[in-house]
Amino acid sequence: MKEEILIKSNITQILSKILKLGKEEIIKENNLSKLPVYDSLAMVTFLVACEKKYKIKFTTSDINSFCSINNVTKLIISKLNKSKIGNK
């Protein structure tokens, strides 16, 4: 649970910088496509920033998850958990 809160906070901050919107605005509107400046370029920039931050790689099918903060958070947690299992 703590990990989820931290990741959600981090990706909200990343998205805030990319979109030049306040965190409150992003949190209030969990559906990213409803944010006024969230377009395909912003999505790709966000995806790459998350990959760099968490040292993970997204697949083409993962892109569908980039529709909400909650989905992105769950996807990152899933990738991090797979990475931990693979490193054992």
N, C-alpha and C. Protein backbone atom coordinates (compact mmCIF):
# COMPACT_ATOMS: atom_id res chain seq x y z
N MET A 1 0.82 -1.20 0.00
CA MET A 1 0.00 0.00 0.00
C MET A 1 0.86 1.26 0.00
N LYS A 2 1.91 1.25 0.82
CA LYS A 2 2.82 2.39 0.87
C LYS A 2 3.48 2.61 -0.48
N GLU A 3 3.87 1.49 -1.11
CA GLU A 3 4.51 1.55 -2.43
C GLU A 3 3.57 2.19 -3.44
N GLU A 4 2.31 1.81 -3.39
CA GLU A 4 1.33 2.34 -4.34
C GLU A 4 1.16 3.85 -4.17
N ILE A 5 1.10 4.30 -2.94
CA ILE A 5 0.96 5.74 -2.66
C ILE A 5 2.17 6.51 -3.15
N LEU A 6 3.35 5.97 -2.91
CA LEU A 6 4.59 6.62 -3.35
C LEU A 6 4.67 6.69 -4.88
N ILE A 7 4.37 5.59 -5.53
CA ILE A 7 4.41 5.56 -7.00
C ILE A 7 3.38 6.53 -7.57
N LYS A 8 2.18 6.52 -7.04
CA LYS A 8 1.13 7.43 -7.52
C LYS A 8 1.57 8.89 -7.35
N SER A 9 2.20 9.20 -6.24
CA SER A 9 2.70 10.55 -6.00
C SER A 9 3.80 10.91 -7.01
N ASN A 10 4.71 9.98 -7.24
CA ASN A 10 5.81 10.22 -8.17
C ASN A 10 5.32 10.42 -9.60
N ILE A 11 4.41 9.57 -10.04
CA ILE A 11 3.96 9.72 -11.43
C ILE A 11 3.07 10.95 -11.61
N THR A 12 2.37 11.33 -10.56
CA THR A 12 1.60 12.57 -10.62
C THR A 12 2.54 13.76 -10.76
N GLN A 13 3.65 13.72 -10.05
CA GLN A 13 4.64 14.79 -10.14
C GLN A 13 5.27 14.82 -11.55
N ILE A 14 5.59 13.65 -12.09
CA ILE A 14 6.14 13.57 -13.45
C ILE A 14 5.16 14.18 -14.45
N LEU A 15 3.91 13.76 -14.34
CA LEU A 15 2.88 14.24 -15.25
C LEU A 15 2.64 15.74 -15.09
N SER A 16 2.72 16.22 -13.87
CA SER A 16 2.56 17.64 -13.59
C SER A 16 3.63 18.47 -14.33
N LYS A 17 4.86 17.97 -14.31
CA LYS A 17 5.94 18.68 -15.00
C LYS A 17 5.75 18.64 -16.52
N ILE A 18 5.35 17.49 -17.04
CA ILE A 18 5.17 17.35 -18.48
C ILE A 18 4.03 18.23 -18.99
N LEU A 19 2.92 18.20 -18.28
CA LEU A 19 1.72 18.92 -18.73
C LEU A 19 1.67 20.36 -18.25
N LYS A 20 2.56 20.70 -17.33
CA LYS A 20 2.57 22.04 -16.73
C LYS A 20 1.21 22.35 -16.08
N LEU A 21 0.73 21.34 -15.34
CA LEU A 21 -0.51 21.48 -14.57
C LEU A 21 -0.20 21.20 -13.11
N GLY A 22 -1.03 21.71 -12.24
CA GLY A 22 -0.87 21.43 -10.82
C GLY A 22 -1.22 19.99 -10.50
N LYS A 23 -0.57 19.44 -9.49
CA LYS A 23 -0.83 18.05 -9.09
C LYS A 23 -2.30 17.85 -8.73
N GLU A 24 -2.89 18.85 -8.09
CA GLU A 24 -4.29 18.76 -7.67
C GLU A 24 -5.20 18.56 -8.88
N GLU A 25 -4.89 19.27 -9.95
CA GLU A 25 -5.68 19.17 -11.17
C GLU A 25 -5.61 17.75 -11.75
N ILE A 26 -4.43 17.16 -11.71
CA ILE A 26 -4.21 15.82 -12.24
C ILE A 26 -4.90 14.79 -11.35
N ILE A 27 -4.75 14.93 -10.05
CA ILE A 27 -5.36 13.99 -9.11
C ILE A 27 -6.88 14.04 -9.21
N LYS A 28 -7.42 15.25 -9.34
CA LYS A 28 -8.88 15.43 -9.42
C LYS A 28 -9.45 14.71 -10.65
N GLU A 29 -8.71 14.74 -11.75
CA GLU A 29 -9.18 14.12 -12.99
C GLU A 29 -8.33 12.88 -13.26
N ASN A 30 -8.72 11.75 -12.67
CA ASN A 30 -7.96 10.51 -12.81
C ASN A 30 -7.90 10.03 -14.26
N ASN A 31 -8.91 10.34 -15.06
CA ASN A 31 -8.94 9.95 -16.47
C ASN A 31 -8.04 10.90 -17.25
N LEU A 32 -6.88 10.41 -17.64
CA LEU A 32 -5.89 11.29 -18.27
C LEU A 32 -6.36 11.91 -19.57
N SER A 33 -7.15 11.19 -20.33
CA SER A 33 -7.60 11.71 -21.63
C SER A 33 -8.50 12.94 -21.47
N LYS A 34 -9.02 13.14 -20.27
CA LYS A 34 -9.87 14.31 -20.03
C LYS A 34 -9.07 15.55 -19.62
N LEU A 35 -7.77 15.37 -19.40
CA LEU A 35 -6.93 16.53 -19.11
C LEU A 35 -6.76 17.34 -20.39
N PRO A 36 -6.85 18.64 -20.31
CA PRO A 36 -6.87 19.46 -21.53
C PRO A 36 -5.60 19.37 -22.40
N VAL A 37 -4.47 19.07 -21.81
CA VAL A 37 -3.22 19.07 -22.59
C VAL A 37 -2.60 17.69 -22.72
N TYR A 38 -3.35 16.64 -22.41
CA TYR A 38 -2.84 15.27 -22.52
C TYR A 38 -3.12 14.75 -23.93
N ASP A 39 -2.07 14.75 -24.75
CA ASP A 39 -2.19 14.25 -26.11
C ASP A 39 -1.19 13.13 -26.33
N SER A 40 -1.05 12.67 -27.55
CA SER A 40 -0.16 11.52 -27.83
C SER A 40 1.29 11.83 -27.49
N LEU A 41 1.74 13.04 -27.75
CA LEU A 41 3.12 13.40 -27.43
C LEU A 41 3.33 13.41 -25.91
N ALA A 42 2.38 13.96 -25.19
CA ALA A 42 2.46 13.97 -23.72
C ALA A 42 2.47 12.55 -23.18
N MET A 43 1.65 11.67 -23.78
CA MET A 43 1.59 10.29 -23.32
C MET A 43 2.93 9.58 -23.52
N VAL A 44 3.54 9.76 -24.68
CA VAL A 44 4.83 9.11 -24.95
C VAL A 44 5.91 9.68 -24.03
N THR A 45 5.89 10.97 -23.82
CA THR A 45 6.85 11.60 -22.91
C THR A 45 6.68 11.07 -21.50
N PHE A 46 5.44 10.91 -21.07
CA PHE A 46 5.10 10.36 -19.75
C PHE A 46 5.57 8.91 -19.64
N LEU A 47 5.31 8.13 -20.66
CA LEU A 47 5.72 6.72 -20.70
C LEU A 47 7.23 6.59 -20.55
N VAL A 48 7.98 7.36 -21.33
CA VAL A 48 9.45 7.31 -21.28
C VAL A 48 9.96 7.78 -19.92
N ALA A 49 9.35 8.82 -19.37
CA ALA A 49 9.78 9.32 -18.05
C ALA A 49 9.56 8.25 -16.97
N CYS A 50 8.45 7.53 -17.06
CA CYS A 50 8.18 6.45 -16.09
C CYS A 50 9.17 5.31 -16.26
N GLU A 51 9.50 4.98 -17.51
CA GLU A 51 10.49 3.93 -17.76
C GLU A 51 11.84 4.30 -17.14
N LYS A 52 12.25 5.53 -17.33
CA LYS A 52 13.54 5.99 -16.77
C LYS A 52 13.51 6.00 -15.25
N LYS A 53 12.44 6.53 -14.69
CA LYS A 53 12.32 6.64 -13.23
C LYS A 53 12.39 5.28 -12.55
N TYR A 54 11.69 4.30 -13.11
CA TYR A 54 11.58 2.99 -12.46
C TYR A 54 12.43 1.90 -13.10
N LYS A 55 13.21 2.28 -14.12
CA LYS A 55 14.10 1.33 -14.80
C LYS A 55 13.34 0.08 -15.27
N ILE A 56 12.24 0.35 -15.97
CA ILE A 56 11.40 -0.71 -16.52
C ILE A 56 11.16 -0.41 -17.99
N LYS A 57 10.59 -1.35 -18.70
CA LYS A 57 10.23 -1.16 -20.10
C LYS A 57 8.76 -1.52 -20.29
N PHE A 58 8.07 -0.71 -21.03
CA PHE A 58 6.67 -0.97 -21.35
C PHE A 58 6.57 -1.59 -22.73
N THR A 59 5.60 -2.45 -22.90
CA THR A 59 5.35 -3.06 -24.20
C THR A 59 4.28 -2.23 -24.93
N THR A 60 4.09 -2.55 -26.18
CA THR A 60 3.07 -1.86 -26.96
C THR A 60 1.69 -2.04 -26.34
N SER A 61 1.41 -3.24 -25.84
CA SER A 61 0.09 -3.48 -25.23
C SER A 61 -0.08 -2.73 -23.91
N ASP A 62 1.02 -2.38 -23.25
CA ASP A 62 0.95 -1.61 -22.00
C ASP A 62 0.40 -0.21 -22.22
N ILE A 63 0.53 0.30 -23.42
CA ILE A 63 0.11 1.67 -23.71
C ILE A 63 -1.37 1.88 -23.40
N ASN A 64 -2.17 0.85 -23.55
CA ASN A 64 -3.60 0.96 -23.24
C ASN A 64 -3.85 1.29 -21.77
N SER A 65 -2.89 0.97 -20.91
CA SER A 65 -3.04 1.24 -19.48
C SER A 65 -2.78 2.71 -19.13
N PHE A 66 -2.26 3.47 -20.09
CA PHE A 66 -1.93 4.85 -19.82
C PHE A 66 -3.14 5.77 -19.97
N CYS A 67 -4.28 5.32 -19.43
CA CYS A 67 -5.50 6.12 -19.50
C CYS A 67 -5.88 6.72 -18.15
N SER A 68 -5.26 6.21 -17.08
CA SER A 68 -5.56 6.76 -15.75
C SER A 68 -4.34 6.60 -14.83
N ILE A 69 -4.28 7.45 -13.84
CA ILE A 69 -3.19 7.38 -12.85
C ILE A 69 -3.22 6.03 -12.14
N ASN A 70 -4.41 5.56 -11.79
CA ASN A 70 -4.52 4.27 -11.09
C ASN A 70 -4.00 3.13 -11.94
N ASN A 71 -4.36 3.10 -13.23
CA ASN A 71 -3.88 2.03 -14.11
C ASN A 71 -2.37 2.07 -14.28
N VAL A 72 -1.82 3.25 -14.45
CA VAL A 72 -0.37 3.38 -14.62
C VAL A 72 0.34 2.92 -13.34
N THR A 73 -0.20 3.29 -12.20
CA THR A 73 0.38 2.87 -10.92
C THR A 73 0.39 1.35 -10.80
N LYS A 74 -0.74 0.71 -11.10
CA LYS A 74 -0.83 -0.75 -11.03
C LYS A 74 0.13 -1.41 -12.01
N LEU A 75 0.26 -0.85 -13.20
CA LEU A 75 1.17 -1.40 -14.21
C LEU A 75 2.61 -1.32 -13.73
N ILE A 76 3.01 -0.20 -13.17
CA ILE A 76 4.38 -0.03 -12.68
C ILE A 76 4.65 -1.01 -11.54
N ILE A 77 3.71 -1.14 -10.62
CA ILE A 77 3.88 -2.09 -9.50
C ILE A 77 4.05 -3.50 -10.05
N SER A 78 3.24 -3.86 -11.02
CA SER A 78 3.32 -5.19 -11.63
C SER A 78 4.69 -5.41 -12.27
N LYS A 79 5.17 -4.43 -13.01
CA LYS A 79 6.49 -4.54 -13.67
C LYS A 79 7.61 -4.64 -12.62
N LEU A 80 7.51 -3.84 -11.56
CA LEU A 80 8.54 -3.88 -10.52
C LEU A 80 8.55 -5.22 -9.80
N ASN A 81 7.36 -5.78 -9.55
CA ASN A 81 7.27 -7.08 -8.89
C ASN A 81 7.84 -8.19 -9.78
N LYS A 82 7.58 -8.13 -11.08
CA LYS A 82 8.14 -9.10 -12.01
C LYS A 82 9.65 -8.99 -12.04
N SER A 83 10.13 -7.77 -11.97
CA SER A 83 11.58 -7.53 -11.98
C SER A 83 12.22 -8.11 -10.74
N LYS A 84 11.57 -7.96 -9.57
CA LYS A 84 12.09 -8.52 -8.32
C LYS A 84 12.15 -10.03 -8.38
N ILE A 85 11.11 -10.64 -8.96
CA ILE A 85 11.06 -12.09 -9.06
C ILE A 85 12.15 -12.58 -10.01
N GLY A 86 12.35 -11.85 -11.10
CA GLY A 86 13.38 -12.23 -12.07
C GLY A 86 14.79 -12.09 -11.57
N ASN A 87 15.00 -11.24 -10.57
CA ASN A 87 16.33 -11.02 -10.02
C ASN A 87 16.69 -12.00 -8.92
N LYS A 88 15.76 -12.85 -8.52
CA LYS A 88 16.04 -13.79 -7.42
C LYS A 88 16.70 -15.04 -7.94
